[in-house]
N, C-alpha and C. Protein backbone atom coordinates (compact mmCIF):
# COMPACT_ATOMS: atom_id res chain seq x y z
N MET A 1 0.84 -1.17 0.00
CA MET A 1 0.00 0.00 0.00
C MET A 1 0.89 1.25 0.00
N THR A 2 0.61 2.17 -0.88
CA THR A 2 1.40 3.39 -1.01
C THR A 2 0.84 4.46 -0.08
N THR A 3 1.72 5.00 0.76
CA THR A 3 1.29 6.07 1.65
C THR A 3 1.43 7.40 0.95
N LYS A 4 0.84 8.43 1.58
CA LYS A 4 0.91 9.78 1.01
C LYS A 4 2.35 10.26 0.92
N LYS A 5 3.16 9.93 1.95
CA LYS A 5 4.56 10.34 1.96
C LYS A 5 5.34 9.65 0.85
N ASN A 6 5.09 8.35 0.64
CA ASN A 6 5.77 7.63 -0.43
C ASN A 6 5.41 8.19 -1.81
N THR A 7 4.14 8.54 -2.00
CA THR A 7 3.69 9.12 -3.26
C THR A 7 4.35 10.48 -3.48
N LYS A 8 4.45 11.25 -2.43
CA LYS A 8 5.06 12.57 -2.50
C LYS A 8 6.52 12.47 -2.92
N ILE A 9 7.26 11.56 -2.31
CA ILE A 9 8.68 11.37 -2.64
C ILE A 9 8.83 10.80 -4.05
N ARG A 10 7.98 9.85 -4.40
CA ARG A 10 8.03 9.27 -5.75
C ARG A 10 7.78 10.33 -6.81
N ASP A 11 6.76 11.17 -6.59
CA ASP A 11 6.44 12.22 -7.55
C ASP A 11 7.56 13.24 -7.67
N LEU A 12 8.22 13.56 -6.55
CA LEU A 12 9.35 14.48 -6.61
C LEU A 12 10.49 13.88 -7.43
N PHE A 13 10.83 12.63 -7.16
CA PHE A 13 11.90 11.97 -7.90
C PHE A 13 11.58 11.90 -9.39
N LEU A 14 10.36 11.48 -9.73
CA LEU A 14 9.97 11.39 -11.14
C LEU A 14 9.96 12.77 -11.80
N GLY A 15 9.47 13.77 -11.08
CA GLY A 15 9.44 15.13 -11.61
C GLY A 15 10.83 15.64 -11.93
N LEU A 16 11.78 15.42 -11.02
CA LEU A 16 13.16 15.84 -11.27
C LEU A 16 13.76 15.09 -12.45
N LEU A 17 13.45 13.80 -12.54
CA LEU A 17 13.93 13.00 -13.66
C LEU A 17 13.36 13.49 -14.99
N PHE A 18 12.05 13.74 -15.02
CA PHE A 18 11.42 14.19 -16.26
C PHE A 18 11.88 15.59 -16.66
N ASP A 19 12.11 16.46 -15.68
CA ASP A 19 12.67 17.78 -16.00
C ASP A 19 14.08 17.65 -16.57
N ALA A 20 14.86 16.73 -16.04
CA ALA A 20 16.21 16.50 -16.57
C ALA A 20 16.15 15.97 -18.00
N VAL A 21 15.23 15.07 -18.27
CA VAL A 21 15.06 14.55 -19.63
C VAL A 21 14.69 15.69 -20.58
N GLY A 22 13.81 16.57 -20.13
CA GLY A 22 13.41 17.71 -20.96
C GLY A 22 14.57 18.64 -21.27
N MET A 23 15.53 18.74 -20.36
CA MET A 23 16.69 19.61 -20.58
C MET A 23 17.79 18.94 -21.40
N LEU A 24 17.68 17.65 -21.62
CA LEU A 24 18.71 16.94 -22.39
C LEU A 24 18.84 17.45 -23.82
N SER A 25 17.81 18.05 -24.34
CA SER A 25 17.87 18.52 -25.72
C SER A 25 18.93 19.61 -25.90
N TYR A 26 19.32 20.27 -24.81
CA TYR A 26 20.38 21.27 -24.89
C TYR A 26 21.75 20.63 -25.12
N THR A 27 21.88 19.36 -24.77
CA THR A 27 23.20 18.72 -24.83
C THR A 27 23.55 18.17 -26.21
N VAL A 28 22.57 17.94 -27.06
CA VAL A 28 22.82 17.34 -28.37
C VAL A 28 22.56 18.40 -29.44
N LEU A 29 23.63 18.95 -29.99
CA LEU A 29 23.49 19.98 -31.02
C LEU A 29 22.84 19.41 -32.28
N GLY A 30 21.88 20.13 -32.82
CA GLY A 30 21.21 19.70 -34.04
C GLY A 30 20.05 18.76 -33.81
N LEU A 31 20.10 18.00 -32.76
CA LEU A 31 19.03 17.04 -32.47
C LEU A 31 18.04 17.59 -31.46
N GLY A 32 18.41 18.68 -30.81
CA GLY A 32 17.63 19.24 -29.70
C GLY A 32 16.19 19.54 -30.02
N GLU A 33 15.95 20.35 -31.02
CA GLU A 33 14.56 20.75 -31.31
C GLU A 33 13.74 19.57 -31.85
N PHE A 34 14.37 18.65 -32.58
CA PHE A 34 13.65 17.46 -33.03
C PHE A 34 13.24 16.61 -31.84
N SER A 35 14.14 16.46 -30.87
CA SER A 35 13.80 15.65 -29.69
C SER A 35 12.67 16.29 -28.90
N ASP A 36 12.57 17.62 -28.94
CA ASP A 36 11.45 18.29 -28.27
C ASP A 36 10.12 17.94 -28.90
N LEU A 37 10.10 17.70 -30.20
CA LEU A 37 8.86 17.29 -30.87
C LEU A 37 8.38 15.94 -30.36
N VAL A 38 9.30 15.10 -29.97
CA VAL A 38 8.95 13.79 -29.42
C VAL A 38 8.62 13.91 -27.93
N TRP A 39 9.42 14.69 -27.21
CA TRP A 39 9.27 14.79 -25.76
C TRP A 39 8.02 15.58 -25.35
N ALA A 40 7.61 16.58 -26.11
CA ALA A 40 6.48 17.44 -25.72
C ALA A 40 5.19 16.64 -25.46
N PRO A 41 4.74 15.81 -26.39
CA PRO A 41 3.51 15.06 -26.11
C PRO A 41 3.70 14.01 -25.01
N LEU A 42 4.90 13.45 -24.94
CA LEU A 42 5.17 12.46 -23.89
C LEU A 42 5.15 13.12 -22.51
N SER A 43 5.75 14.29 -22.40
CA SER A 43 5.76 14.98 -21.10
C SER A 43 4.34 15.38 -20.70
N ALA A 44 3.53 15.79 -21.65
CA ALA A 44 2.14 16.15 -21.35
C ALA A 44 1.37 14.92 -20.85
N TRP A 45 1.58 13.80 -21.50
CA TRP A 45 0.91 12.56 -21.10
C TRP A 45 1.36 12.14 -19.70
N LEU A 46 2.66 12.22 -19.43
CA LEU A 46 3.18 11.88 -18.11
C LEU A 46 2.61 12.79 -17.03
N MET A 47 2.47 14.05 -17.35
CA MET A 47 1.91 15.01 -16.39
C MET A 47 0.48 14.63 -16.02
N THR A 48 -0.32 14.20 -17.00
CA THR A 48 -1.71 13.82 -16.70
C THR A 48 -1.77 12.53 -15.89
N ARG A 49 -0.77 11.68 -16.01
CA ARG A 49 -0.73 10.44 -15.23
C ARG A 49 -0.30 10.71 -13.79
N MET A 50 0.59 11.67 -13.61
CA MET A 50 1.08 11.98 -12.26
C MET A 50 0.09 12.82 -11.46
N TYR A 51 -0.60 13.74 -12.13
CA TYR A 51 -1.50 14.67 -11.45
C TYR A 51 -2.86 14.59 -12.13
N LYS A 52 -3.81 14.07 -11.41
CA LYS A 52 -5.15 13.83 -11.96
C LYS A 52 -6.01 15.10 -11.96
N GLY A 53 -7.07 15.05 -12.71
CA GLY A 53 -8.06 16.12 -12.72
C GLY A 53 -7.70 17.29 -13.62
N ARG A 54 -8.43 18.36 -13.43
CA ARG A 54 -8.25 19.56 -14.26
C ARG A 54 -6.88 20.18 -14.08
N ILE A 55 -6.37 20.17 -12.86
CA ILE A 55 -5.07 20.78 -12.61
C ILE A 55 -3.97 20.00 -13.35
N GLY A 56 -4.10 18.70 -13.43
CA GLY A 56 -3.15 17.88 -14.18
C GLY A 56 -3.26 18.14 -15.68
N GLN A 57 -4.47 18.34 -16.16
CA GLN A 57 -4.67 18.64 -17.58
C GLN A 57 -4.09 20.00 -17.93
N ALA A 58 -4.30 20.97 -17.04
CA ALA A 58 -3.75 22.31 -17.27
C ALA A 58 -2.22 22.27 -17.26
N ALA A 59 -1.67 21.53 -16.30
CA ALA A 59 -0.21 21.40 -16.22
C ALA A 59 0.33 20.68 -17.45
N ALA A 60 -0.41 19.74 -17.99
CA ALA A 60 0.01 19.03 -19.19
C ALA A 60 0.07 19.97 -20.39
N MET A 61 -0.90 20.86 -20.50
CA MET A 61 -0.89 21.83 -21.61
C MET A 61 0.30 22.78 -21.48
N VAL A 62 0.58 23.21 -20.26
CA VAL A 62 1.73 24.09 -20.03
C VAL A 62 3.03 23.36 -20.35
N SER A 63 3.13 22.12 -19.90
CA SER A 63 4.33 21.33 -20.16
C SER A 63 4.53 21.10 -21.66
N PHE A 64 3.44 20.81 -22.35
CA PHE A 64 3.50 20.60 -23.80
C PHE A 64 4.00 21.85 -24.50
N ALA A 65 3.43 22.99 -24.17
CA ALA A 65 3.82 24.26 -24.79
C ALA A 65 5.27 24.62 -24.44
N GLU A 66 5.63 24.41 -23.17
CA GLU A 66 6.99 24.73 -22.72
C GLU A 66 8.04 23.91 -23.47
N GLU A 67 7.73 22.68 -23.76
CA GLU A 67 8.70 21.84 -24.49
C GLU A 67 8.77 22.21 -25.97
N LEU A 68 7.69 22.70 -26.54
CA LEU A 68 7.70 23.05 -27.97
C LEU A 68 8.29 24.42 -28.25
N ILE A 69 8.18 25.34 -27.31
CA ILE A 69 8.70 26.69 -27.53
C ILE A 69 10.22 26.67 -27.37
N PRO A 70 10.96 27.05 -28.40
CA PRO A 70 12.42 27.03 -28.31
C PRO A 70 12.94 27.93 -27.19
N GLY A 71 13.92 27.41 -26.47
CA GLY A 71 14.57 28.18 -25.42
C GLY A 71 13.91 28.13 -24.06
N THR A 72 12.83 27.37 -23.91
CA THR A 72 12.14 27.30 -22.63
C THR A 72 12.32 25.96 -21.92
N ASP A 73 13.20 25.12 -22.43
CA ASP A 73 13.41 23.81 -21.82
C ASP A 73 13.97 23.88 -20.41
N PHE A 74 14.55 24.99 -20.05
CA PHE A 74 15.14 25.10 -18.72
C PHE A 74 14.08 25.23 -17.62
N ILE A 75 12.83 25.51 -17.98
CA ILE A 75 11.75 25.65 -16.99
C ILE A 75 11.39 24.26 -16.44
N PRO A 76 11.51 24.06 -15.14
CA PRO A 76 11.22 22.74 -14.55
C PRO A 76 9.73 22.56 -14.27
N SER A 77 8.95 22.32 -15.30
CA SER A 77 7.49 22.28 -15.15
C SER A 77 7.01 21.17 -14.21
N PHE A 78 7.66 20.01 -14.23
CA PHE A 78 7.26 18.93 -13.33
C PHE A 78 7.55 19.29 -11.88
N THR A 79 8.69 19.91 -11.64
CA THR A 79 9.03 20.32 -10.27
C THR A 79 8.12 21.43 -9.78
N ILE A 80 7.80 22.36 -10.65
CA ILE A 80 6.86 23.43 -10.28
C ILE A 80 5.50 22.84 -9.93
N MET A 81 5.04 21.86 -10.70
CA MET A 81 3.76 21.22 -10.41
C MET A 81 3.82 20.46 -9.09
N TRP A 82 4.95 19.82 -8.80
CA TRP A 82 5.11 19.13 -7.53
C TRP A 82 5.02 20.13 -6.37
N LEU A 83 5.72 21.25 -6.50
CA LEU A 83 5.67 22.29 -5.46
C LEU A 83 4.24 22.79 -5.27
N TYR A 84 3.55 23.02 -6.35
CA TYR A 84 2.16 23.48 -6.27
C TYR A 84 1.29 22.44 -5.54
N THR A 85 1.45 21.19 -5.92
CA THR A 85 0.60 20.13 -5.38
C THR A 85 0.90 19.82 -3.92
N TYR A 86 2.18 19.67 -3.58
CA TYR A 86 2.54 19.16 -2.26
C TYR A 86 2.99 20.23 -1.26
N VAL A 87 3.37 21.40 -1.73
CA VAL A 87 3.85 22.42 -0.81
C VAL A 87 2.82 23.54 -0.66
N PHE A 88 2.42 24.14 -1.75
CA PHE A 88 1.55 25.31 -1.66
C PHE A 88 0.09 24.95 -1.44
N SER A 89 -0.51 24.17 -2.32
CA SER A 89 -1.94 23.86 -2.13
C SER A 89 -2.14 22.76 -1.09
N GLY A 90 -1.20 21.85 -0.96
CA GLY A 90 -1.32 20.77 0.02
C GLY A 90 -1.31 21.26 1.45
N SER A 91 -0.51 22.28 1.73
CA SER A 91 -0.43 22.78 3.10
C SER A 91 -1.75 23.40 3.54
N LYS A 92 -2.45 24.06 2.64
CA LYS A 92 -3.75 24.64 2.98
C LYS A 92 -4.77 23.54 3.25
N THR A 93 -4.75 22.50 2.44
CA THR A 93 -5.68 21.39 2.62
C THR A 93 -5.41 20.69 3.94
N ASP A 94 -4.15 20.47 4.26
CA ASP A 94 -3.81 19.80 5.52
C ASP A 94 -4.28 20.61 6.72
N LYS A 95 -4.17 21.93 6.65
CA LYS A 95 -4.60 22.78 7.76
C LYS A 95 -6.12 22.70 7.94
N ILE A 96 -6.85 22.69 6.85
CA ILE A 96 -8.32 22.60 6.93
C ILE A 96 -8.74 21.27 7.51
N ILE A 97 -8.11 20.20 7.07
CA ILE A 97 -8.47 18.86 7.54
C ILE A 97 -8.14 18.72 9.03
N SER A 98 -6.99 19.26 9.46
CA SER A 98 -6.59 19.11 10.87
C SER A 98 -7.48 19.92 11.81
N LYS A 99 -8.16 20.96 11.31
CA LYS A 99 -9.06 21.76 12.14
C LYS A 99 -10.36 21.04 12.44
N LYS A 100 -10.76 20.11 11.58
CA LYS A 100 -12.04 19.40 11.76
C LYS A 100 -11.95 18.34 12.82
């Protein structure tokens, strides 16, 4: 059984890994922008699998666009989504639940 803490750590690790994969296009001259054409839809799909619901769909669209726009691969969209999910919005939810 996966606990909330295990899911949180797994999502952070996967997010860092996927952000690193997205930045790999900078390392291969000439192949970079072509690899973004392959990575953009894959990163969007992965985002929807990691984060469910409308927020995951919105993050997938942002990730897709970020990978296709030249020069924006340095933006860590998976890590930003992890921070949003587990640090910023999660802390508010935890406070509300603990008050009940």
